[in-house]
Protein backbone atom coordinates (compact mmCIF):
# COMPACT_ATOMS: atom_id res chain seq x y z
CA UNK A 1 100.33 105.26 92.05
CA UNK A 2 100.88 104.95 95.65
CA UNK A 3 99.39 101.40 96.73
CA UNK A 4 99.47 103.08 100.37
CA UNK A 5 96.70 105.42 99.50
CA UNK A 6 94.65 102.97 98.12
CA UNK A 7 94.61 100.29 100.97
CA UNK A 8 91.15 100.33 102.64
CA UNK A 9 89.54 98.09 105.32
CA UNK A 10 86.51 96.29 104.23
CA UNK A 11 84.36 98.08 106.69
CA UNK A 12 85.11 101.59 104.70
CA UNK A 13 84.94 99.81 101.53
CA UNK A 14 81.13 98.45 102.99
CA UNK A 15 80.37 102.12 103.84
CA UNK A 16 81.71 103.94 100.86
CA UNK A 17 81.34 101.86 97.88
CA UNK A 18 79.49 104.11 95.28
CA UNK A 19 82.13 106.54 95.97
CA UNK A 20 84.93 104.00 95.90
CA UNK A 21 83.74 102.74 92.43
CA UNK A 22 83.23 106.14 91.18
CA UNK A 23 86.77 107.50 92.10
CA UNK A 24 88.27 104.06 90.94
CA UNK A 25 86.70 104.68 87.60
CA UNK A 26 88.02 107.81 87.06
CA UNK A 27 91.66 107.18 88.35
CA UNK A 28 91.74 103.77 87.47
CA UNK A 29 93.74 103.02 90.60
CA UNK A 30 92.92 99.72 92.31
CA UNK A 31 92.03 99.44 95.86
CA UNK A 32 93.56 96.93 97.87
CA UNK A 33 91.22 95.77 100.68
CA UNK A 34 92.25 94.39 104.37
CA UNK A 35 90.37 92.37 106.39
CA UNK A 36 91.78 91.84 110.23
CA UNK A 37 94.70 94.03 109.29
CA UNK A 38 95.88 91.86 106.07
CA UNK A 39 95.90 92.49 102.36
CA UNK A 40 92.66 90.15 101.41
CA UNK A 41 91.67 91.43 97.94
CA UNK A 42 91.95 94.06 95.14
CA UNK A 43 89.25 95.91 93.66
CA UNK A 44 89.72 97.25 90.23
CA UNK A 45 87.81 99.16 87.32
CA UNK A 46 86.58 96.85 84.77
CA UNK A 47 88.73 98.77 81.83
CA UNK A 48 91.78 97.82 83.89
CA UNK A 49 90.69 94.41 84.34
CA UNK A 50 90.01 93.68 80.70
CA UNK A 51 93.57 95.39 79.72
CA UNK A 52 95.07 92.93 82.09
CA UNK A 53 93.33 89.94 80.85
CA UNK A 54 94.42 90.74 77.35
CA UNK A 55 97.95 91.42 78.44
CA UNK A 56 97.99 88.12 79.97
CA UNK A 57 96.55 86.34 77.10
CA UNK A 58 99.13 88.02 74.66
CA UNK A 59 101.67 86.63 77.17
CA UNK A 60 100.68 83.12 77.14
CA UNK A 61 100.47 83.12 73.07
CA UNK A 62 104.33 84.43 73.38
CA UNK A 63 105.24 81.88 75.74
CA UNK A 64 103.49 79.07 73.35
CA UNK A 65 105.55 80.69 70.57
CA UNK A 66 108.66 80.58 72.17
CA UNK A 67 108.04 77.07 73.20
CA UNK A 68 107.50 75.83 69.55
CA UNK A 69 110.65 77.85 68.44
CA UNK A 70 112.77 75.82 71.17
CA UNK A 71 111.12 72.72 70.22
CA UNK A 72 111.86 73.21 66.29
CA UNK A 73 108.04 73.55 65.47
CA UNK A 74 108.75 76.40 62.75
CA UNK A 75 108.73 76.90 59.14
CA UNK A 76 109.87 79.74 56.88
CA UNK A 77 106.96 82.03 56.32
CA UNK A 78 107.15 81.38 52.40
CA UNK A 79 106.85 78.09 53.10
CA UNK A 80 103.97 78.28 55.43
CA UNK A 81 102.01 80.96 52.80
CA UNK A 82 102.54 77.98 50.21
CA UNK A 83 100.75 75.58 52.62
CA UNK A 84 98.12 77.59 53.33
CA UNK A 85 97.63 78.20 49.41
CA UNK A 86 97.47 74.28 48.73
CA UNK A 87 94.80 73.94 51.49
CA UNK A 88 92.80 76.48 49.75
CA UNK A 89 93.55 74.90 46.18
CA UNK A 90 92.49 71.73 47.69
CA UNK A 91 89.45 73.00 49.41
CA UNK A 92 88.26 74.89 46.27
CA UNK A 93 88.41 71.46 44.21
CA UNK A 94 86.69 69.28 46.93
């Protein structure tokens, strides 16, 4: 993907909004919008945006998990399953 081809001034975006949105949905290529010659915003299709948000959420989970490992807040899987089974047993009894 060449971003050079996706850079458009805001006046062009205003004049061709429907065409840009249709093309963007098909190509999934974001549009970089310029104002006064400087890049100021990015316009992207909803599917790409949702994928990006999911990816960021997964990266955050991985970062938090890594921090837990570094700080020693982990236990073997066997122990975790034993603890879960015990919690279930206690709930069923009480």
